[in-house]
C-alpha atoms as a PDB file:
ATOM      1  CA  MET A   1     -25.498   2.497   5.218  1.00  0.00           C
ATOM      2  CA  ALA A   2     -22.658   4.341   6.699  1.00  0.00           C
ATOM      3  CA  ALA A   3     -21.341   7.691   4.890  1.00  0.00           C
ATOM      4  CA  ALA A   4     -19.908   6.350   1.265  1.00  0.00           C
ATOM      5  CA  ARG A   5     -16.017   6.836   1.507  1.00  0.00           C
ATOM      6  CA  VAL A   6     -15.475   5.607  -1.839  1.00  0.00           C
ATOM      7  CA  LEU A   7     -17.743   6.873  -4.982  1.00  0.00           C
ATOM      8  CA  LEU A   8     -17.617   5.944  -8.655  1.00  0.00           C
ATOM      9  CA  LEU A   9     -18.783   8.041 -11.338  1.00  0.00           C
ATOM     10  CA  LEU A  10     -20.513   5.428 -13.475  1.00  0.00           C
ATOM     11  CA  SER A  11     -22.057   6.489 -16.874  1.00  0.00           C
ATOM     12  CA  GLY A  12     -22.210  10.232 -15.461  1.00  0.00           C
ATOM     13  CA  ARG A  13     -24.105   8.922 -12.127  1.00  0.00           C
ATOM     14  CA  ALA A  14     -22.246   8.938  -8.531  1.00  0.00           C
ATOM     15  CA  GLU A  15     -22.620   5.362  -6.967  1.00  0.00           C
ATOM     16  CA  SER A  16     -21.415   3.866  -4.008  1.00  0.00           C
ATOM     17  CA  PRO A  17     -19.804   0.575  -4.665  1.00  0.00           C
ATOM     18  CA  SER A  18     -21.212  -2.156  -2.153  1.00  0.00           C
ATOM     19  CA  PHE A  19     -18.667  -4.123   0.100  1.00  0.00           C
ATOM     20  CA  ALA A  20     -18.963  -7.395  -2.223  1.00  0.00           C
ATOM     21  CA  GLN A  21     -18.454  -5.437  -5.533  1.00  0.00           C
ATOM     22  CA  SER A  22     -15.165  -5.429  -7.027  1.00  0.00           C
ATOM     23  CA  VAL A  23     -14.330  -1.758  -7.675  1.00  0.00           C
ATOM     24  CA  CYS A  24     -11.782  -2.444 -10.374  1.00  0.00           C
ATOM     25  CA  GLY A  25     -14.300  -4.570 -12.151  1.00  0.00           C
ATOM     26  CA  LEU A  26     -17.129  -1.934 -11.851  1.00  0.00           C
ATOM     27  CA  LEU A  27     -14.423   0.621 -13.606  1.00  0.00           C
ATOM     28  CA  GLY A  28     -13.824  -2.000 -16.360  1.00  0.00           C
ATOM     29  CA  ALA A  29     -10.941  -3.760 -15.452  1.00  0.00           C
ATOM     30  CA  GLY A  30     -10.486  -6.813 -17.441  1.00  0.00           C
ATOM     31  CA  PRO A  31      -8.507  -9.804 -16.211  1.00  0.00           C
ATOM     32  CA  GLY A  32      -5.259  -9.541 -14.937  1.00  0.00           C
ATOM     33  CA  LEU A  33      -3.190  -7.121 -12.403  1.00  0.00           C
ATOM     34  CA  GLY A  34      -3.336  -3.984 -14.391  1.00  0.00           C
ATOM     35  CA  PRO A  35      -2.620  -1.205 -13.941  1.00  0.00           C
ATOM     36  CA  TRP A  36      -5.680   0.588 -14.942  1.00  0.00           C
ATOM     37  CA  PRO A  37      -5.621   4.526 -15.383  1.00  0.00           C
ATOM     38  CA  THR A  38      -8.507   5.806 -13.205  1.00  0.00           C
ATOM     39  CA  HIS A  39      -9.690   9.385 -12.829  1.00  0.00           C
ATOM     40  CA  CYS A  40      -9.741  10.810  -9.143  1.00  0.00           C
ATOM     41  CA  GLY A  41     -11.053  13.372  -7.252  1.00  0.00           C
ATOM     42  CA  LEU A  42      -9.273  13.512  -3.936  1.00  0.00           C
ATOM     43  CA  LYS A  43     -12.255  14.866  -1.236  1.00  0.00           C
ATOM     44  CA  ARG A  44     -11.948  15.532   2.044  1.00  0.00           C
ATOM     45  CA  GLY A  45     -12.715  12.207   3.547  1.00  0.00           C
ATOM     46  CA  ARG A  46     -13.692  10.649   0.425  1.00  0.00           C
ATOM     47  CA  LEU A  47     -12.371   9.341  -2.790  1.00  0.00           C
ATOM     48  CA  VAL A  48     -14.098   9.645  -5.997  1.00  0.00           C
ATOM     49  CA  LEU A  49     -13.149   7.490  -9.266  1.00  0.00           C
ATOM     50  CA  SER A  50     -13.980   7.205 -12.903  1.00  0.00           C
ATOM     51  CA  ASP A  51     -12.793   5.770 -16.016  1.00  0.00           C
ATOM     52  CA  GLY A  52     -13.019   8.951 -17.656  1.00  0.00           C
ATOM     53  CA  PRO A  53     -12.474  12.717 -16.708  1.00  0.00           C
ATOM     54  CA  PHE A  54     -14.893  14.534 -14.981  1.00  0.00           C
ATOM     55  CA  PRO A  55     -14.999  17.931 -13.240  1.00  0.00           C
ATOM     56  CA  GLY A  56     -13.265  18.278 -10.176  1.00  0.00           C
ATOM     57  CA  SER A  57     -10.807  15.230 -10.825  1.00  0.00           C
ATOM     58  CA  SER A  58      -7.615  16.240  -9.752  1.00  0.00           C
ATOM     59  CA  ALA A  59      -5.225  13.105 -10.647  1.00  0.00           C
ATOM     60  CA  ARG A  60      -5.056  10.226 -12.929  1.00  0.00           C
ATOM     61  CA  LEU A  61      -3.587   7.231 -11.030  1.00  0.00           C
ATOM     62  CA  PRO A  62      -3.143   3.325 -11.917  1.00  0.00           C
ATOM     63  CA  LEU A  63      -5.199   1.416 -10.005  1.00  0.00           C
ATOM     64  CA  GLN A  64      -4.261  -2.084  -9.182  1.00  0.00           C
ATOM     65  CA  ARG A  65      -5.366  -5.543  -7.526  1.00  0.00           C
ATOM     66  CA  PRO A  66      -3.278  -8.286  -6.042  1.00  0.00           C
ATOM     67  CA  PRO A  67      -3.119 -11.367  -8.397  1.00  0.00           C
ATOM     68  CA  PHE A  68      -5.931 -12.918  -6.773  1.00  0.00           C
ATOM     69  CA  CYS A  69      -8.849 -10.906  -5.628  1.00  0.00           C
ATOM     70  CA  PRO A  70     -11.599 -12.632  -3.684  1.00  0.00           C
ATOM     71  CA  PHE A  71     -14.307  -9.861  -4.853  1.00  0.00           C
ATOM     72  CA  ALA A  72     -13.235 -10.370  -8.694  1.00  0.00           C
ATOM     73  CA  ALA A  73     -13.271 -13.978  -8.009  1.00  0.00           C
ATOM     74  CA  LEU A  74     -16.650 -13.820  -6.133  1.00  0.00           C
ATOM     75  CA  ASP A  75     -18.216 -11.933  -8.989  1.00  0.00           C
ATOM     76  CA  GLN A  76     -17.331 -15.109 -11.252  1.00  0.00           C
ATOM     77  CA  GLN A  77     -18.829 -17.891  -9.126  1.00  0.00           C
ATOM     78  CA  LEU A  78     -22.213 -18.668  -7.355  1.00  0.00           C
ATOM     79  CA  ARG A  79     -22.335 -17.577  -3.663  1.00  0.00           C
ATOM     80  CA  THR A  80     -22.307 -20.355  -0.987  1.00  0.00           C
ATOM     81  CA  PRO A  81     -25.715 -20.328   0.447  1.00  0.00           C
ATOM     82  CA  GLY A  82     -25.812 -19.082   4.125  1.00  0.00           C
ATOM     83  CA  ALA A  83     -22.351 -17.156   3.569  1.00  0.00           C
ATOM     84  CA  GLU A  84     -23.691 -13.837   2.191  1.00  0.00           C
ATOM     85  CA  LEU A  85     -21.175 -11.020   2.260  1.00  0.00           C
ATOM     86  CA  PRO A  86     -22.444  -7.774   4.179  1.00  0.00           C
ATOM     87  CA  SER A  87     -25.060  -6.015   2.143  1.00  0.00           C
ATOM     88  CA  ASN A  88     -25.220  -2.862   4.583  1.00  0.00           C
ATOM     89  CA  ARG A  89     -21.399  -1.598   4.003  1.00  0.00           C
ATOM     90  CA  GLY A  90     -19.488   0.185   1.555  1.00  0.00           C
ATOM     91  CA  VAL A  91     -15.847   0.191   0.438  1.00  0.00           C
ATOM     92  CA  ASP A  92     -13.661   1.817   3.034  1.00  0.00           C
ATOM     93  CA  LEU A  93     -11.012   4.046   2.042  1.00  0.00           C
ATOM     94  CA  GLY A  94      -7.244   4.111   3.433  1.00  0.00           C
ATOM     95  CA  VAL A  95      -4.053   6.003   2.616  1.00  0.00           C
ATOM     96  CA  ALA A  96      -0.473   4.539   2.913  1.00  0.00           C
ATOM     97  CA  VAL A  97       2.615   6.888   3.175  1.00  0.00           C
ATOM     98  CA  LEU A  98       5.732   5.927   1.407  1.00  0.00           C
ATOM     99  CA  LEU A  99       7.929   8.310   3.215  1.00  0.00           C
ATOM    100  CA  GLN A 100      11.273   9.159   1.461  1.00  0.00           C
ATOM    101  CA  SER A 101      14.291  10.764   2.743  1.00  0.00           C
ATOM    102  CA  SER A 102      16.039  13.567   1.137  1.00  0.00           C
ATOM    103  CA  ASP A 103      19.015  10.751   0.188  1.00  0.00           C
ATOM    104  CA  GLN A 104      16.416   8.704  -1.416  1.00  0.00           C
ATOM    105  CA  SER A 105      15.651   5.856   1.060  1.00  0.00           C
ATOM    106  CA  VAL A 106      12.123   4.743   1.920  1.00  0.00           C
ATOM    107  CA  LEU A 107      10.594   3.524   5.298  1.00  0.00           C
ATOM    108  CA  LEU A 108       8.677   0.279   5.484  1.00  0.00           C
ATOM    109  CA  THR A 109       7.101  -1.077   8.697  1.00  0.00           C
ATOM    110  CA  ARG A 110       6.513  -4.654  10.093  1.00  0.00           C
ATOM    111  CA  ARG A 111       3.195  -4.999  11.537  1.00  0.00           C
ATOM    112  CA  THR A 112       2.909  -6.762  14.986  1.00  0.00           C
ATOM    113  CA  ARG A 113       2.088 -10.689  15.040  1.00  0.00           C
ATOM    114  CA  THR A 114      -0.569  -9.880  17.268  1.00  0.00           C
ATOM    115  CA  LEU A 115      -2.679  -7.857  15.055  1.00  0.00           C
ATOM    116  CA  SER A 116      -6.096  -9.185  13.669  1.00  0.00           C
ATOM    117  CA  VAL A 117      -5.342  -8.080  10.094  1.00  0.00           C
ATOM    118  CA  SER A 118      -2.368  -8.790   8.012  1.00  0.00           C
ATOM    119  CA  PRO A 119       0.160  -9.674  10.856  1.00  0.00           C
ATOM    120  CA  ASN A 120       3.780  -9.568  10.622  1.00  0.00           C
ATOM    121  CA  LEU A 121       3.705  -8.062   7.131  1.00  0.00           C
ATOM    122  CA  TRP A 122       5.967  -5.451   5.697  1.00  0.00           C
ATOM    123  CA  VAL A 123       3.985  -2.640   4.722  1.00  0.00           C
ATOM    124  CA  PRO A 124       4.067   1.442   4.248  1.00  0.00           C
ATOM    125  CA  PRO A 125       2.932   3.214   7.390  1.00  0.00           C
ATOM    126  CA  GLY A 126      -1.162   3.969   6.834  1.00  0.00           C
ATOM    127  CA  GLY A 127      -4.598   3.177   8.071  1.00  0.00           C
ATOM    128  CA  HIS A 128      -8.186   4.391   7.918  1.00  0.00           C
ATOM    129  CA  VAL A 129      -8.627   8.326   6.679  1.00  0.00           C
ATOM    130  CA  GLY A 130     -11.145  10.053   8.851  1.00  0.00           C
ATOM    131  CA  LEU A 131     -14.499  10.901   8.066  1.00  0.00           C
ATOM    132  CA  ASP A 132     -14.011  14.900   7.603  1.00  0.00           C
ATOM    133  CA  GLU A 133     -10.131  14.380   7.396  1.00  0.00           C
ATOM    134  CA  GLU A 134      -8.002  15.388   4.027  1.00  0.00           C
ATOM    135  CA  LEU A 135      -6.147  12.493   2.663  1.00  0.00           C
ATOM    136  CA  LEU A 136      -2.629  13.785   3.296  1.00  0.00           C
ATOM    137  CA  ASP A 137      -3.567  14.749   6.744  1.00  0.00           C
ATOM    138  CA  GLY A 138      -4.698  11.152   7.350  1.00  0.00           C
ATOM    139  CA  GLY A 139      -1.544   9.883   5.931  1.00  0.00           C
ATOM    140  CA  LEU A 140       0.807  12.150   8.064  1.00  0.00           C
ATOM    141  CA  ARG A 141      -1.207  11.340  11.242  1.00  0.00           C
ATOM    142  CA  GLU A 142      -0.814   7.596  10.807  1.00  0.00           C
ATOM    143  CA  LEU A 143       2.578   7.838  10.215  1.00  0.00           C
ATOM    144  CA  GLN A 144       3.158   9.861  13.210  1.00  0.00           C
ATOM    145  CA  GLU A 145       0.926   7.347  15.041  1.00  0.00           C
ATOM    146  CA  GLU A 146       2.770   4.308  13.946  1.00  0.00           C
ATOM    147  CA  THR A 147       6.706   5.755  13.998  1.00  0.00           C
ATOM    148  CA  GLY A 148       6.260   9.124  15.954  1.00  0.00           C
ATOM    149  CA  LEU A 149       7.448  11.118  12.893  1.00  0.00           C
ATOM    150  CA  GLN A 150       5.938  14.428  12.588  1.00  0.00           C
ATOM    151  CA  LEU A 151       7.492  16.130   9.605  1.00  0.00           C
ATOM    152  CA  PRO A 152       7.599  19.761  10.112  1.00  0.00           C
ATOM    153  CA  HIS A 153       5.585  22.167   8.512  1.00  0.00           C
ATOM    154  CA  GLY A 154       6.770  23.136   4.857  1.00  0.00           C
ATOM    155  CA  GLN A 155       9.817  20.678   5.035  1.00  0.00           C
ATOM    156  CA  PHE A 156       8.400  17.908   2.685  1.00  0.00           C
ATOM    157  CA  SER A 157       6.619  17.757  -0.754  1.00  0.00           C
ATOM    158  CA  TRP A 158       3.951  14.921  -1.481  1.00  0.00           C
ATOM    159  CA  VAL A 159       2.431  13.357  -4.582  1.00  0.00           C
ATOM    160  CA  PRO A 160      -0.189  10.945  -5.175  1.00  0.00           C
ATOM    161  CA  LEU A 161       1.313   7.257  -6.754  1.00  0.00           C
ATOM    162  CA  GLY A 162      -1.214   4.940  -7.064  1.00  0.00           C
ATOM    163  CA  LEU A 163      -4.471   2.981  -5.732  1.00  0.00           C
ATOM    164  CA  TRP A 164      -4.685  -0.333  -4.714  1.00  0.00           C
ATOM    165  CA  GLU A 165      -7.889  -2.492  -3.930  1.00  0.00           C
ATOM    166  CA  SER A 166      -7.390  -4.569  -1.046  1.00  0.00           C
ATOM    167  CA  ALA A 167      -9.553  -7.665   0.705  1.00  0.00           C
ATOM    168  CA  TYR A 168      -8.858  -9.119   4.132  1.00  0.00           C
ATOM    169  CA  PRO A 169      -8.473 -12.105   4.507  1.00  0.00           C
ATOM    170  CA  PRO A 170      -6.926 -12.100   0.801  1.00  0.00           C
ATOM    171  CA  ARG A 171      -7.680 -15.669  -0.382  1.00  0.00           C
ATOM    172  CA  LEU A 172     -11.090 -17.243  -0.015  1.00  0.00           C
ATOM    173  CA  SER A 173      -9.788 -20.375   1.127  1.00  0.00           C
ATOM    174  CA  TRP A 174      -9.422 -18.540   4.555  1.00  0.00           C
ATOM    175  CA  GLY A 175     -13.042 -17.549   4.751  1.00  0.00           C
ATOM    176  CA  LEU A 176     -14.875 -14.909   3.148  1.00  0.00           C
ATOM    177  CA  PRO A 177     -13.673 -11.391   3.084  1.00  0.00           C
ATOM    178  CA  ARG A 178     -14.156  -9.047   6.221  1.00  0.00           C
ATOM    179  CA  TYR A 179     -12.434  -5.836   5.130  1.00  0.00           C
ATOM    180  CA  HIS A 180     -12.610  -4.314   1.578  1.00  0.00           C
ATOM    181  CA  HIS A 181     -10.468  -1.011   1.005  1.00  0.00           C
ATOM    182  CA  ILE A 182      -9.020   1.186  -1.932  1.00  0.00           C
ATOM    183  CA  ILE A 183      -5.844   2.380  -0.425  1.00  0.00           C
ATOM    184  CA  LEU A 184      -4.331   5.689  -1.767  1.00  0.00           C
ATOM    185  CA  TYR A 185      -0.632   5.585  -1.879  1.00  0.00           C
ATOM    186  CA  LEU A 186       1.234   8.961  -1.322  1.00  0.00           C
ATOM    187  CA  LEU A 187       4.843   9.615  -1.736  1.00  0.00           C
ATOM    188  CA  VAL A 188       6.004  11.883   0.804  1.00  0.00           C
ATOM    189  CA  VAL A 189       9.674  13.303   0.159  1.00  0.00           C
ATOM    190  CA  SER A 190      11.060  14.650   3.252  1.00  0.00           C
ATOM    191  CA  TRP A 191      13.722  17.586   3.108  1.00  0.00           C
ATOM    192  CA  GLU A 192      15.931  15.621   5.975  1.00  0.00           C
ATOM    193  CA  SER A 193      18.128  12.825   5.298  1.00  0.00           C
ATOM    194  CA  GLN A 194      17.354   9.142   6.546  1.00  0.00           C
ATOM    195  CA  GLN A 195      19.778   9.649   9.817  1.00  0.00           C
ATOM    196  CA  GLN A 196      18.207  12.576  10.796  1.00  0.00           C
ATOM    197  CA  LEU A 197      14.475  10.995  10.286  1.00  0.00           C
ATOM    198  CA  GLN A 198      15.754   8.002  12.093  1.00  0.00           C
ATOM    199  CA  ALA A 199      16.928   9.647  15.260  1.00  0.00           C
ATOM    200  CA  ARG A 200      13.376  10.635  15.660  1.00  0.00           C
ATOM    201  CA  ILE A 201      11.808   7.531  15.422  1.00  0.00           C
ATOM    202  CA  GLN A 202       9.560   5.973  18.284  1.00  0.00           C
ATOM    203  CA  PRO A 203       7.684   3.140  17.243  1.00  0.00           C
ATOM    204  CA  ASN A 204       4.265   1.871  18.391  1.00  0.00           C
ATOM    205  CA  PRO A 205       4.852  -1.416  19.773  1.00  0.00           C
ATOM    206  CA  SER A 206       1.211  -2.170  19.542  1.00  0.00           C
ATOM    207  CA  GLU A 207       1.599  -1.786  15.756  1.00  0.00           C
ATOM    208  CA  VAL A 208       5.182  -1.809  14.462  1.00  0.00           C
ATOM    209  CA  SER A 209       7.588  -4.810  15.655  1.00  0.00           C
ATOM    210  CA  ALA A 210      10.284  -3.474  13.206  1.00  0.00           C
ATOM    211  CA  PHE A 211      11.162  -0.842  10.506  1.00  0.00           C
ATOM    212  CA  MET A 212      13.677  -0.664   7.943  1.00  0.00           C
ATOM    213  CA  TRP A 213      14.722   1.841   5.108  1.00  0.00           C
ATOM    214  CA  LEU A 214      14.977   0.692   1.272  1.00  0.00           C
ATOM    215  CA  GLY A 215      17.402   2.215  -0.961  1.00  0.00           C
ATOM    216  CA  PRO A 216      16.258   2.626  -4.685  1.00  0.00           C
ATOM    217  CA  GLU A 217      17.626  -0.438  -5.590  1.00  0.00           C
ATOM    218  CA  ILE A 218      16.121  -2.308  -3.069  1.00  0.00           C
ATOM    219  CA  ALA A 219      12.836  -0.793  -3.476  1.00  0.00           C
ATOM    220  CA  ALA A 220      12.987  -1.376  -7.110  1.00  0.00           C
ATOM    221  CA  ALA A 221      14.036  -5.298  -6.561  1.00  0.00           C
ATOM    222  CA  VAL A 222      10.703  -5.345  -4.098  1.00  0.00           C
ATOM    223  CA  ALA A 223       8.506  -4.014  -6.587  1.00  0.00           C
ATOM    224  CA  ALA A 224       9.878  -6.411  -9.413  1.00  0.00           C
ATOM    225  CA  ALA A 225       9.323  -8.999  -7.119  1.00  0.00           C
ATOM    226  CA  GLU A 226       5.901  -8.496  -6.702  1.00  0.00           C
ATOM    227  CA  ASP A 227       4.862  -7.625 -10.095  1.00  0.00           C
ATOM    228  CA  GLY A 228       6.837  -9.930 -12.254  1.00  0.00           C
ATOM    229  CA  THR A 229       9.071  -7.561 -13.990  1.00  0.00           C
ATOM    230  CA  GLU A 230      12.783  -8.084 -14.377  1.00  0.00           C
ATOM    231  CA  THR A 231      14.975  -7.976 -11.377  1.00  0.00           C
ATOM    232  CA  PRO A 232      17.420  -4.758 -11.401  1.00  0.00           C
ATOM    233  CA  THR A 233      20.618  -6.179 -12.406  1.00  0.00           C
ATOM    234  CA  HIS A 234      23.042  -4.139  -9.762  1.00  0.00           C
ATOM    235  CA  LEU A 235      21.718  -4.949  -6.289  1.00  0.00           C
ATOM    236  CA  PRO A 236      23.196  -5.328  -2.859  1.00  0.00           C
ATOM    237  CA  ARG A 237      24.364  -9.156  -2.225  1.00  0.00           C
ATOM    238  CA  ASP A 238      22.777  -9.359   1.198  1.00  0.00           C
ATOM    239  CA  LEU A 239      19.122  -9.337  -0.052  1.00  0.00           C
ATOM    240  CA  PRO A 240      16.924 -12.195   1.446  1.00  0.00           C
ATOM    241  CA  PRO A 241      15.458 -14.683  -0.999  1.00  0.00           C
ATOM    242  CA  SER A 242      11.907 -13.118  -0.586  1.00  0.00           C
ATOM    243  CA  VAL A 243      13.170 -10.316  -2.564  1.00  0.00           C
ATOM    244  CA  LEU A 244      15.624 -11.891  -5.172  1.00  0.00           C
ATOM    245  CA  GLY A 245      13.335 -14.679  -5.519  1.00  0.00           C
ATOM    246  CA  THR A 246      14.614 -17.496  -8.158  1.00  0.00           C
ATOM    247  CA  ARG A 247      14.905 -14.854 -10.947  1.00  0.00           C
ATOM    248  CA  GLY A 248      17.898 -15.150 -13.185  1.00  0.00           C
ATOM    249  CA  GLY A 249      19.447 -17.618 -10.606  1.00  0.00           C
ATOM    250  CA  GLN A 250      20.652 -14.795  -8.123  1.00  0.00           C
ATOM    251  CA  LYS A 251      21.297 -16.313  -4.837  1.00  0.00           C
ATOM    252  CA  SER A 252      21.763 -14.322  -1.375  1.00  0.00           C
ATOM    253  CA  SER A 253      25.557 -14.438  -0.358  1.00  0.00           C
ATOM    254  CA  THR A 254      24.825 -13.486   3.125  1.00  0.00           C
ATOM    255  CA  PRO A 255      21.131 -13.851   4.388  1.00  0.00           C
ATOM    256  CA  GLY A 256      19.370 -10.993   5.816  1.00  0.00           C
ATOM    257  CA  LEU A 257      18.141  -7.170   5.147  1.00  0.00           C
ATOM    258  CA  ALA A 258      20.304  -4.502   6.136  1.00  0.00           C
ATOM    259  CA  HIS A 259      19.068  -1.910   8.499  1.00  0.00           C
ATOM    260  CA  ILE A 260      16.238  -3.470   9.855  1.00  0.00           C
ATOM    261  CA  HIS A 261      15.366  -2.143  13.351  1.00  0.00           C
ATOM    262  CA  ALA A 262      13.750  -4.332  15.810  1.00  0.00           C
ATOM    263  CA  ALA A 263      11.030  -2.404  18.107  1.00  0.00           C
ATOM    264  CA  ALA A 264      10.945  -2.911  21.695  1.00  0.00           C
ATOM    265  CA  ASP A 265       8.183  -5.682  21.493  1.00  0.00           C
ATOM    266  CA  ASP A 266      10.437  -7.940  18.943  1.00  0.00           C
ATOM    267  CA  PRO A 267      13.789  -8.912  20.789  1.00  0.00           C
ATOM    268  CA  ASP A 268      13.920 -11.976  19.096  1.00  0.00           C
ATOM    269  CA  HIS A 269      13.775 -10.873  15.771  1.00  0.00           C
ATOM    270  CA  SER A 270      15.876 -13.441  14.161  1.00  0.00           C
ATOM    271  CA  ARG A 271      17.544 -13.794  10.719  1.00  0.00           C
ATOM    272  CA  ARG A 272      15.202 -16.181   9.468  1.00  0.00           C
ATOM    273  CA  GLN A 273      12.382 -14.369  10.433  1.00  0.00           C
ATOM    274  CA  ARG A 274      13.865 -11.321   8.236  1.00  0.00           C
ATOM    275  CA  GLU A 275      14.002 -13.626   5.142  1.00  0.00           C
ATOM    276  CA  GLY A 276      10.541 -14.970   5.330  1.00  0.00           C
ATOM    277  CA  GLN A 277       8.732 -11.800   5.144  1.00  0.00           C
ATOM    278  CA  ARG A 278       6.652 -10.893   2.326  1.00  0.00           C
ATOM    279  CA  TRP A 279       5.492  -7.790   0.588  1.00  0.00           C
ATOM    280  CA  ASP A 280       1.864  -8.427   0.039  1.00  0.00           C
ATOM    281  CA  GLN A 281       0.129  -5.455   1.179  1.00  0.00           C
ATOM    282  CA  VAL A 282       2.762  -2.999  -0.962  1.00  0.00           C
ATOM    283  CA  CYS A 283       1.396  -1.852  -4.047  1.00  0.00           C
ATOM    284  CA  PRO A 284       4.404  -2.681  -6.878  1.00  0.00           C
ATOM    285  CA  GLN A 285       3.398   0.526  -8.714  1.00  0.00           C
ATOM    286  CA  ALA A 286       3.820   2.810  -5.920  1.00  0.00           C
ATOM    287  CA  LEU A 287       6.941   1.183  -4.496  1.00  0.00           C
ATOM    288  CA  ALA A 288       8.254   1.424  -7.954  1.00  0.00           C
ATOM    289  CA  ALA A 289       7.400   4.943  -8.486  1.00  0.00           C
ATOM    290  CA  ALA A 290       8.813   5.797  -5.085  1.00  0.00           C
ATOM    291  CA  SER A 291      11.974   4.209  -6.291  1.00  0.00           C
ATOM    292  CA  GLY A 292      12.189   6.232  -9.566  1.00  0.00           C
ATOM    293  CA  GLN A 293      11.334   3.597 -11.710  1.00  0.00           C
ATOM    294  CA  VAL A 294       7.845   5.167 -12.651  1.00  0.00           C
ATOM    295  CA  GLU A 295       7.025   8.861 -13.077  1.00  0.00           C
ATOM    296  CA  PRO A 296       3.962  10.032 -11.532  1.00  0.00           C
ATOM    297  CA  GLU A 297       1.219  11.617 -13.919  1.00  0.00           C
ATOM    298  CA  TRP A 298       0.255  14.140 -11.457  1.00  0.00           C
ATOM    299  CA  GLN A 299       2.112  16.817  -9.801  1.00  0.00           C
ATOM    300  CA  PRO A 300       0.542  18.729  -6.712  1.00  0.00           C
ATOM    301  CA  ARG A 301      -0.553  22.153  -7.463  1.00  0.00           C
END
């Protein structure tokens, strides 16, 4: 097995979860979405998780999973003969950056429809962390590779927001999972305004088909639509149904999202396409924290 990227401290012993095991389940998560408070050690190229404090732990973060987690479901049912999950792989480590401008807008990108994993979904910039890479450095590298944005040293602050257990495909009806990640969400607050950052964005056309900036109200609405909490009352009137949902009888008077920017490879980015996007890969707890609805429990030292 390759070097373990995610380690669990269970009964005082460090273990590497196998690909087929639910990390939330191993840490004692019950039914439901969580979040479950988890103690974390943020190591170079590695994440150590425990349900209790341990020497070297530097954060206590909420851990969540989607409403349907294939790994949790597989733990509860007999495996189909001949359809086994990999036995020589562990759980991979990813990082996602919620970049917030000095005027409190949050950047999201839309993955191109040609990508083999989660195509055409709105996500924060992010990806795999290198084996010997600091977690923040990995996030900033992915941000630059996907958007062209390189944040000047000393011109931003950061804080870890939460953890998300991700499976792809996300539904067993699509086949057994081929990817299993724990994703660390980082809030990176730039000292530059949205306009200043916007002027330097150069999306990578092989990965990003569009990008947009969410104000605090819209970010809170997206988080609420995903985690089932109450949608904020005062919202812009041009939000699409995918954000507003049907709660409270609210309807969008002018379909479409403001400030969506299509990348060069997507000239036919229509209003109907914008309306239909889902936010499946955005951790609601992290997005709510980025919008100021949740206070993170850890501050960088």
